[in-house]
Amino acid sequence: MKTIMVRYKTSEAHGSANEALVRAVFEELRAKAPAGLRYATYRLADGVTFVHIATVESTADNPLVTLPAFKAFQQALKDRCVEPPVVTEMSVVGSYG
């Protein structure tokens, strides 16, 4: 099992467009319901900082990266950002719910 957090800031002009792309990913996830994935995205109060947290059961197969909506989200991410994505691997200490 592997958990990663990705944090980045978009420009103010791209915050809502980024959110729309993220929502499309979640729509596709609900439709396809891939096994072995827990995924959440948060938009911070500043409106431009996004945090994604993904836990994948199999480190060999990440179903998220195969989704067309996720590929569309990633396509111009660097152009939407004023602070590039920082990827951090995490390990669970405790979890509830």
C-alpha atoms as a PDB file:
ATOM      1  CA  MET A   1       0.000   0.000   0.000  1.00  0.00           C
ATOM      2  CA  LYS A   2       1.237   3.461  -0.881  1.00  0.00           C
ATOM      3  CA  THR A   3      -0.142   6.874   0.111  1.00  0.00           C
ATOM      4  CA  ILE A   4       0.944  10.085  -1.539  1.00  0.00           C
ATOM      5  CA  MET A   5       0.008  13.721  -1.088  1.00  0.00           C
ATOM      6  CA  VAL A   6       0.348  16.243  -3.885  1.00  0.00           C
ATOM      7  CA  ARG A   7       0.129  19.954  -3.098  1.00  0.00           C
ATOM      8  CA  TYR A   8       0.287  22.874  -5.533  1.00  0.00           C
ATOM      9  CA  LYS A   9      -1.032  26.386  -6.136  1.00  0.00           C
ATOM     10  CA  THR A  10      -2.806  27.529  -9.260  1.00  0.00           C
ATOM     11  CA  SER A  11      -3.096  31.090 -10.425  1.00  0.00           C
ATOM     12  CA  GLU A  12      -6.314  32.810  -9.360  1.00  0.00           C
ATOM     13  CA  ALA A  13      -7.413  32.778 -12.985  1.00  0.00           C
ATOM     14  CA  HIS A  14      -7.109  28.967 -13.136  1.00  0.00           C
ATOM     15  CA  GLY A  15      -8.468  27.910  -9.726  1.00  0.00           C
ATOM     16  CA  SER A  16     -12.026  27.245 -10.874  1.00  0.00           C
ATOM     17  CA  ALA A  17     -10.921  25.535 -14.092  1.00  0.00           C
ATOM     18  CA  ASN A  18      -8.649  23.277 -12.048  1.00  0.00           C
ATOM     19  CA  GLU A  19     -11.523  22.422  -9.720  1.00  0.00           C
ATOM     20  CA  ALA A  20     -13.729  21.542 -12.702  1.00  0.00           C
ATOM     21  CA  LEU A  21     -11.067  19.173 -14.038  1.00  0.00           C
ATOM     22  CA  VAL A  22     -10.748  17.556 -10.601  1.00  0.00           C
ATOM     23  CA  ARG A  23     -14.527  17.124 -10.372  1.00  0.00           C
ATOM     24  CA  ALA A  24     -14.474  15.356 -13.745  1.00  0.00           C
ATOM     25  CA  VAL A  25     -11.965  12.867 -12.322  1.00  0.00           C
ATOM     26  CA  PHE A  26     -14.303  12.109  -9.427  1.00  0.00           C
ATOM     27  CA  GLU A  27     -17.254  11.689 -11.801  1.00  0.00           C
ATOM     28  CA  GLU A  28     -15.281   9.096 -13.740  1.00  0.00           C
ATOM     29  CA  LEU A  29     -14.171   7.396 -10.520  1.00  0.00           C
ATOM     30  CA  ARG A  30     -17.800   7.092  -9.396  1.00  0.00           C
ATOM     31  CA  ALA A  31     -18.772   5.644 -12.788  1.00  0.00           C
ATOM     32  CA  LYS A  32     -15.911   3.127 -12.990  1.00  0.00           C
ATOM     33  CA  ALA A  33     -15.407   2.404  -9.267  1.00  0.00           C
ATOM     34  CA  PRO A  34     -11.869   1.033  -9.572  1.00  0.00           C
ATOM     35  CA  ALA A  35     -10.776  -1.285  -6.782  1.00  0.00           C
ATOM     36  CA  GLY A  36      -7.750  -0.620  -4.618  1.00  0.00           C
ATOM     37  CA  LEU A  37      -7.904   3.182  -4.610  1.00  0.00           C
ATOM     38  CA  ARG A  38      -8.824   5.782  -1.997  1.00  0.00           C
ATOM     39  CA  TYR A  39      -8.611   9.337  -3.298  1.00  0.00           C
ATOM     40  CA  ALA A  40      -9.569  12.790  -2.039  1.00  0.00           C
ATOM     41  CA  THR A  41      -8.897  16.319  -3.223  1.00  0.00           C
ATOM     42  CA  TYR A  42      -9.162  19.484  -1.143  1.00  0.00           C
ATOM     43  CA  ARG A  43      -9.216  23.135  -2.168  1.00  0.00           C
ATOM     44  CA  LEU A  44      -7.848  25.301   0.616  1.00  0.00           C
ATOM     45  CA  ALA A  45      -9.500  28.503   1.848  1.00  0.00           C
ATOM     46  CA  ASP A  46      -7.194  30.671  -0.274  1.00  0.00           C
ATOM     47  CA  GLY A  47      -8.972  29.254  -3.349  1.00  0.00           C
ATOM     48  CA  VAL A  48      -5.770  28.458  -5.215  1.00  0.00           C
ATOM     49  CA  THR A  49      -4.059  25.745  -3.167  1.00  0.00           C
ATOM     50  CA  PHE A  50      -5.051  22.161  -3.883  1.00  0.00           C
ATOM     51  CA  VAL A  51      -4.125  19.024  -1.957  1.00  0.00           C
ATOM     52  CA  HIS A  52      -4.669  15.545  -3.364  1.00  0.00           C
ATOM     53  CA  ILE A  53      -4.288  12.441  -1.204  1.00  0.00           C
ATOM     54  CA  ALA A  54      -4.285   9.024  -2.832  1.00  0.00           C
ATOM     55  CA  THR A  55      -3.857   5.598  -1.295  1.00  0.00           C
ATOM     56  CA  VAL A  56      -3.247   2.768  -3.722  1.00  0.00           C
ATOM     57  CA  GLU A  57      -3.297  -0.841  -2.530  1.00  0.00           C
ATOM     58  CA  SER A  58      -1.009  -2.098  -5.288  1.00  0.00           C
ATOM     59  CA  THR A  59       2.131  -0.088  -5.936  1.00  0.00           C
ATOM     60  CA  ALA A  60       2.367  -1.750  -9.359  1.00  0.00           C
ATOM     61  CA  ASP A  61      -1.092  -0.706 -10.604  1.00  0.00           C
ATOM     62  CA  ASN A  62      -2.511   2.743  -9.931  1.00  0.00           C
ATOM     63  CA  PRO A  63      -5.983   2.847 -11.493  1.00  0.00           C
ATOM     64  CA  LEU A  64      -6.106   6.634 -11.207  1.00  0.00           C
ATOM     65  CA  VAL A  65      -3.438   7.260 -13.841  1.00  0.00           C
ATOM     66  CA  THR A  66      -5.316   5.212 -16.454  1.00  0.00           C
ATOM     67  CA  LEU A  67      -8.477   7.355 -16.350  1.00  0.00           C
ATOM     68  CA  PRO A  68      -9.027   9.693 -19.329  1.00  0.00           C
ATOM     69  CA  ALA A  69     -10.329  12.427 -16.988  1.00  0.00           C
ATOM     70  CA  PHE A  70      -7.154  12.196 -14.884  1.00  0.00           C
ATOM     71  CA  LYS A  71      -5.008  12.409 -18.003  1.00  0.00           C
ATOM     72  CA  ALA A  72      -6.983  15.515 -19.057  1.00  0.00           C
ATOM     73  CA  PHE A  73      -6.469  16.998 -15.572  1.00  0.00           C
ATOM     74  CA  GLN A  74      -2.708  16.419 -15.732  1.00  0.00           C
ATOM     75  CA  GLN A  75      -2.296  17.616 -19.313  1.00  0.00           C
ATOM     76  CA  ALA A  76      -1.794  21.339 -18.635  1.00  0.00           C
ATOM     77  CA  LEU A  77      -1.407  21.290 -14.853  1.00  0.00           C
ATOM     78  CA  LYS A  78       1.990  22.999 -14.949  1.00  0.00           C
ATOM     79  CA  ASP A  79       0.494  25.838 -17.014  1.00  0.00           C
ATOM     80  CA  ARG A  80      -2.241  26.365 -14.382  1.00  0.00           C
ATOM     81  CA  CYS A  81       0.228  26.440 -11.491  1.00  0.00           C
ATOM     82  CA  VAL A  82       2.124  29.288  -9.878  1.00  0.00           C
ATOM     83  CA  GLU A  83       3.706  26.790  -7.466  1.00  0.00           C
ATOM     84  CA  PRO A  84       4.454  23.397  -9.025  1.00  0.00           C
ATOM     85  CA  PRO A  85       3.172  20.145  -7.578  1.00  0.00           C
ATOM     86  CA  VAL A  86       5.132  18.752  -4.644  1.00  0.00           C
ATOM     87  CA  VAL A  87       4.702  15.008  -4.192  1.00  0.00           C
ATOM     88  CA  THR A  88       5.160  13.577  -0.698  1.00  0.00           C
ATOM     89  CA  GLU A  89       4.927   9.906   0.201  1.00  0.00           C
ATOM     90  CA  MET A  90       3.231   9.321   3.556  1.00  0.00           C
ATOM     91  CA  SER A  91       2.629   6.422   5.919  1.00  0.00           C
ATOM     92  CA  VAL A  92      -0.475   6.028   8.046  1.00  0.00           C
ATOM     93  CA  VAL A  93      -0.021   6.414  11.787  1.00  0.00           C
ATOM     94  CA  GLY A  94      -3.726   6.147  12.544  1.00  0.00           C
ATOM     95  CA  SER A  95      -7.015   6.550  10.750  1.00  0.00           C
ATOM     96  CA  TYR A  96     -10.647   6.782  11.750  1.00  0.00           C
ATOM     97  CA  GLY A  97     -13.733   6.551   9.555  1.00  0.00           C
END
